[in-house]
Amino acid sequence: MSDGVALVHDGFALLLAIAIPLVAAAVVGVLLAVLATRALGIADPAVGAVARALAVFAAVAMFGATWATQLQEFTATAWSQLAALGRGP
């Protein structure tokens, strides 16, 4: 695999590694909000939005430092390979 393709592959892998927990947290937040609103008889859509936002914020609080470190390492690698990508073999 060439350096450019490997860099793009690593970037998308990092993107998925960050996005999947955020989406999972949002889904869990909505499911908990649905269960709570049905049990309490509340019919306000804002409850789901608040629960989703709180779940995503909690995920960022728990994993944010790790994600920042991974992004910093990827960015450093990408910038160091930037000059080599424009050159021919």
N, C-alpha and C. Protein backbone atom coordinates (compact mmCIF):
# COMPACT_ATOMS: atom_id res chain seq x y z
N MET A 1 0.85 -1.17 0.00
CA MET A 1 0.00 0.00 0.00
C MET A 1 0.90 1.24 0.00
N SER A 2 0.58 2.21 -0.82
CA SER A 2 1.39 3.42 -0.88
C SER A 2 1.16 4.27 0.38
N ASP A 3 2.06 5.22 0.57
CA ASP A 3 1.96 6.07 1.77
C ASP A 3 0.68 6.88 1.79
N GLY A 4 0.28 7.39 0.64
CA GLY A 4 -0.94 8.19 0.58
C GLY A 4 -2.18 7.37 0.88
N VAL A 5 -2.26 6.18 0.33
CA VAL A 5 -3.41 5.31 0.57
C VAL A 5 -3.43 4.87 2.03
N ALA A 6 -2.26 4.55 2.58
CA ALA A 6 -2.19 4.15 3.98
C ALA A 6 -2.60 5.29 4.91
N LEU A 7 -2.22 6.51 4.56
CA LEU A 7 -2.59 7.67 5.36
C LEU A 7 -4.10 7.90 5.34
N VAL A 8 -4.71 7.78 4.16
CA VAL A 8 -6.16 7.94 4.06
C VAL A 8 -6.86 6.81 4.82
N HIS A 9 -6.35 5.60 4.70
CA HIS A 9 -6.92 4.45 5.41
C HIS A 9 -6.87 4.69 6.93
N ASP A 10 -5.73 5.13 7.42
CA ASP A 10 -5.59 5.40 8.85
C ASP A 10 -6.51 6.53 9.30
N GLY A 11 -6.68 7.53 8.45
CA GLY A 11 -7.57 8.63 8.79
C GLY A 11 -9.02 8.19 8.91
N PHE A 12 -9.47 7.37 7.97
CA PHE A 12 -10.85 6.87 8.05
C PHE A 12 -11.03 5.91 9.22
N ALA A 13 -10.00 5.12 9.53
CA ALA A 13 -10.09 4.22 10.68
C ALA A 13 -10.20 5.03 11.97
N LEU A 14 -9.45 6.11 12.08
CA LEU A 14 -9.54 6.98 13.25
C LEU A 14 -10.90 7.66 13.32
N LEU A 15 -11.41 8.09 12.18
CA LEU A 15 -12.73 8.70 12.13
C LEU A 15 -13.80 7.75 12.66
N LEU A 16 -13.75 6.51 12.23
CA LEU A 16 -14.71 5.52 12.71
C LEU A 16 -14.52 5.22 14.19
N ALA A 17 -13.28 5.17 14.63
CA ALA A 17 -13.01 4.89 16.04
C ALA A 17 -13.55 5.99 16.95
N ILE A 18 -13.66 7.19 16.42
CA ILE A 18 -14.22 8.30 17.21
C ILE A 18 -15.73 8.39 17.03
N ALA A 19 -16.23 8.18 15.83
CA ALA A 19 -17.65 8.38 15.55
C ALA A 19 -18.54 7.28 16.13
N ILE A 20 -18.07 6.04 16.10
CA ILE A 20 -18.92 4.94 16.56
C ILE A 20 -19.31 5.08 18.03
N PRO A 21 -18.38 5.38 18.94
CA PRO A 21 -18.82 5.57 20.34
C PRO A 21 -19.77 6.74 20.53
N LEU A 22 -19.60 7.81 19.74
CA LEU A 22 -20.51 8.95 19.85
C LEU A 22 -21.92 8.58 19.40
N VAL A 23 -22.02 7.86 18.30
CA VAL A 23 -23.33 7.43 17.80
C VAL A 23 -23.96 6.44 18.78
N ALA A 24 -23.16 5.53 19.31
CA ALA A 24 -23.68 4.57 20.28
C ALA A 24 -24.18 5.27 21.53
N ALA A 25 -23.45 6.28 22.01
CA ALA A 25 -23.89 7.03 23.18
C ALA A 25 -25.20 7.76 22.90
N ALA A 26 -25.33 8.34 21.71
CA ALA A 26 -26.57 9.03 21.36
C ALA A 26 -27.74 8.06 21.31
N VAL A 27 -27.52 6.88 20.77
CA VAL A 27 -28.60 5.88 20.68
C VAL A 27 -29.01 5.43 22.08
N VAL A 28 -28.04 5.17 22.94
CA VAL A 28 -28.36 4.76 24.31
C VAL A 28 -29.11 5.88 25.04
N GLY A 29 -28.68 7.12 24.85
CA GLY A 29 -29.37 8.25 25.47
C GLY A 29 -30.81 8.36 25.02
N VAL A 30 -31.06 8.17 23.75
CA VAL A 30 -32.43 8.24 23.23
C VAL A 30 -33.27 7.09 23.76
N LEU A 31 -32.70 5.90 23.79
CA LEU A 31 -33.45 4.75 24.31
C LEU A 31 -33.83 4.95 25.78
N LEU A 32 -32.90 5.46 26.57
CA LEU A 32 -33.22 5.73 27.98
C LEU A 32 -34.27 6.83 28.10
N ALA A 33 -34.19 7.84 27.25
CA ALA A 33 -35.19 8.91 27.27
C ALA A 33 -36.56 8.39 26.88
N VAL A 34 -36.61 7.51 25.89
CA VAL A 34 -37.90 6.94 25.47
C VAL A 34 -38.51 6.12 26.60
N LEU A 35 -37.69 5.31 27.25
CA LEU A 35 -38.20 4.52 28.37
C LEU A 35 -38.70 5.41 29.50
N ALA A 36 -37.97 6.47 29.81
CA ALA A 36 -38.37 7.37 30.89
C ALA A 36 -39.64 8.14 30.53
N THR A 37 -39.72 8.63 29.31
CA THR A 37 -40.90 9.42 28.94
C THR A 37 -42.15 8.55 28.86
N ARG A 38 -42.01 7.31 28.43
CA ARG A 38 -43.17 6.41 28.39
C ARG A 38 -43.62 6.04 29.80
N ALA A 39 -42.67 5.82 30.68
CA ALA A 39 -43.03 5.46 32.06
C ALA A 39 -43.68 6.63 32.79
N LEU A 40 -43.22 7.84 32.50
CA LEU A 40 -43.76 9.02 33.19
C LEU A 40 -44.90 9.68 32.43
N GLY A 41 -45.14 9.27 31.20
CA GLY A 41 -46.23 9.84 30.41
C GLY A 41 -45.93 11.23 29.88
N ILE A 42 -44.68 11.54 29.66
CA ILE A 42 -44.28 12.85 29.14
C ILE A 42 -44.24 12.76 27.62
N ALA A 43 -44.78 13.77 26.94
CA ALA A 43 -44.82 13.77 25.48
C ALA A 43 -44.05 14.97 24.91
N ASP A 44 -42.90 15.26 25.48
CA ASP A 44 -42.10 16.40 25.03
C ASP A 44 -40.88 15.90 24.26
N PRO A 45 -40.73 16.30 22.98
CA PRO A 45 -39.57 15.83 22.21
C PRO A 45 -38.25 16.41 22.70
N ALA A 46 -38.29 17.46 23.49
CA ALA A 46 -37.05 18.06 24.00
C ALA A 46 -36.32 17.11 24.96
N VAL A 47 -37.07 16.22 25.60
CA VAL A 47 -36.44 15.28 26.53
C VAL A 47 -35.46 14.39 25.78
N GLY A 48 -35.83 13.92 24.61
CA GLY A 48 -34.94 13.08 23.80
C GLY A 48 -33.71 13.84 23.35
N ALA A 49 -33.89 15.10 22.96
CA ALA A 49 -32.76 15.91 22.51
C ALA A 49 -31.78 16.18 23.65
N VAL A 50 -32.32 16.47 24.82
CA VAL A 50 -31.46 16.72 25.98
C VAL A 50 -30.72 15.45 26.38
N ALA A 51 -31.41 14.32 26.38
CA ALA A 51 -30.78 13.05 26.74
C ALA A 51 -29.68 12.69 25.74
N ARG A 52 -29.94 12.90 24.47
CA ARG A 52 -28.95 12.62 23.43
C ARG A 52 -27.72 13.51 23.62
N ALA A 53 -27.94 14.79 23.87
CA ALA A 53 -26.83 15.72 24.06
C ALA A 53 -26.02 15.36 25.30
N LEU A 54 -26.69 15.03 26.39
CA LEU A 54 -25.98 14.65 27.61
C LEU A 54 -25.17 13.37 27.41
N ALA A 55 -25.71 12.43 26.68
CA ALA A 55 -24.99 11.17 26.43
C ALA A 55 -23.75 11.42 25.58
N VAL A 56 -23.86 12.27 24.58
CA VAL A 56 -22.70 12.59 23.74
C VAL A 56 -21.66 13.36 24.54
N PHE A 57 -22.09 14.30 25.37
CA PHE A 57 -21.15 15.03 26.22
C PHE A 57 -20.44 14.09 27.19
N ALA A 58 -21.17 13.13 27.74
CA ALA A 58 -20.56 12.15 28.64
C ALA A 58 -19.52 11.31 27.91
N ALA A 59 -19.82 10.91 26.67
CA ALA A 59 -18.86 10.13 25.89
C ALA A 59 -17.61 10.95 25.59
N VAL A 60 -17.78 12.21 25.26
CA VAL A 60 -16.63 13.08 25.01
C VAL A 60 -15.82 13.28 26.29
N ALA A 61 -16.50 13.40 27.42
CA ALA A 61 -15.80 13.56 28.69
C ALA A 61 -14.99 12.32 29.04
N MET A 62 -15.54 11.15 28.74
CA MET A 62 -14.86 9.90 29.08
C MET A 62 -13.71 9.59 28.12
N PHE A 63 -13.93 9.80 26.84
CA PHE A 63 -12.96 9.37 25.83
C PHE A 63 -12.22 10.52 25.16
N GLY A 64 -12.54 11.75 25.48
CA GLY A 64 -11.98 12.91 24.79
C GLY A 64 -10.47 12.99 24.85
N ALA A 65 -9.88 12.70 26.00
CA ALA A 65 -8.42 12.78 26.12
C ALA A 65 -7.74 11.75 25.22
N THR A 66 -8.30 10.55 25.17
CA THR A 66 -7.73 9.50 24.31
C THR A 66 -7.87 9.90 22.85
N TRP A 67 -9.03 10.41 22.48
CA TRP A 67 -9.24 10.83 21.10
C TRP A 67 -8.29 11.96 20.72
N ALA A 68 -8.09 12.91 21.63
CA ALA A 68 -7.19 14.02 21.34
C ALA A 68 -5.76 13.53 21.12
N THR A 69 -5.33 12.57 21.92
CA THR A 69 -4.00 12.01 21.76
C THR A 69 -3.87 11.29 20.42
N GLN A 70 -4.89 10.51 20.07
CA GLN A 70 -4.87 9.79 18.79
C GLN A 70 -4.87 10.77 17.62
N LEU A 71 -5.67 11.83 17.71
CA LEU A 71 -5.70 12.82 16.64
C LEU A 71 -4.37 13.56 16.51
N GLN A 72 -3.73 13.84 17.65
CA GLN A 72 -2.44 14.52 17.62
C GLN A 72 -1.39 13.63 16.97
N GLU A 73 -1.39 12.35 17.30
CA GLU A 73 -0.43 11.42 16.70
C GLU A 73 -0.66 11.27 15.20
N PHE A 74 -1.94 11.17 14.80
CA PHE A 74 -2.25 11.04 13.38
C PHE A 74 -1.84 12.30 12.62
N THR A 75 -2.12 13.46 13.20
CA THR A 75 -1.78 14.72 12.55
C THR A 75 -0.27 14.87 12.41
N ALA A 76 0.47 14.49 13.44
CA ALA A 76 1.93 14.56 13.37
C ALA A 76 2.46 13.63 12.27
N THR A 77 1.89 12.44 12.18
CA THR A 77 2.30 11.50 11.14
C THR A 77 1.94 12.03 9.76
N ALA A 78 0.75 12.57 9.63
CA ALA A 78 0.31 13.09 8.32
C ALA A 78 1.20 14.25 7.87
N TRP A 79 1.52 15.17 8.76
CA TRP A 79 2.36 16.30 8.39
C TRP A 79 3.77 15.87 8.07
N SER A 80 4.26 14.85 8.76
CA SER A 80 5.62 14.39 8.45
C SER A 80 5.70 13.69 7.11
N GLN A 81 4.59 13.09 6.67
CA GLN A 81 4.56 12.39 5.38
C GLN A 81 4.12 13.29 4.23
N LEU A 82 3.70 14.49 4.53
CA LEU A 82 3.16 15.39 3.51
C LEU A 82 4.17 15.70 2.40
N ALA A 83 5.41 15.95 2.77
CA ALA A 83 6.42 16.27 1.76
C ALA A 83 6.70 15.08 0.87
N ALA A 84 6.66 13.89 1.42
CA ALA A 84 6.97 12.68 0.63
C ALA A 84 5.83 12.30 -0.31
N LEU A 85 4.62 12.73 -0.01
CA LEU A 85 3.47 12.33 -0.85
C LEU A 85 3.52 12.96 -2.23
N GLY A 86 4.10 14.15 -2.35
CA GLY A 86 4.13 14.82 -3.64
C GLY A 86 5.25 14.33 -4.55
N ARG A 87 6.18 13.63 -4.02
CA ARG A 87 7.30 13.13 -4.83
C ARG A 87 6.95 11.84 -5.52
N GLY A 88 7.57 11.59 -6.61
CA GLY A 88 7.39 10.33 -7.32
C GLY A 88 8.18 9.21 -6.67
N PRO A 89 8.05 7.99 -7.18
CA PRO A 89 8.77 6.86 -6.58
C PRO A 89 10.25 6.90 -6.74
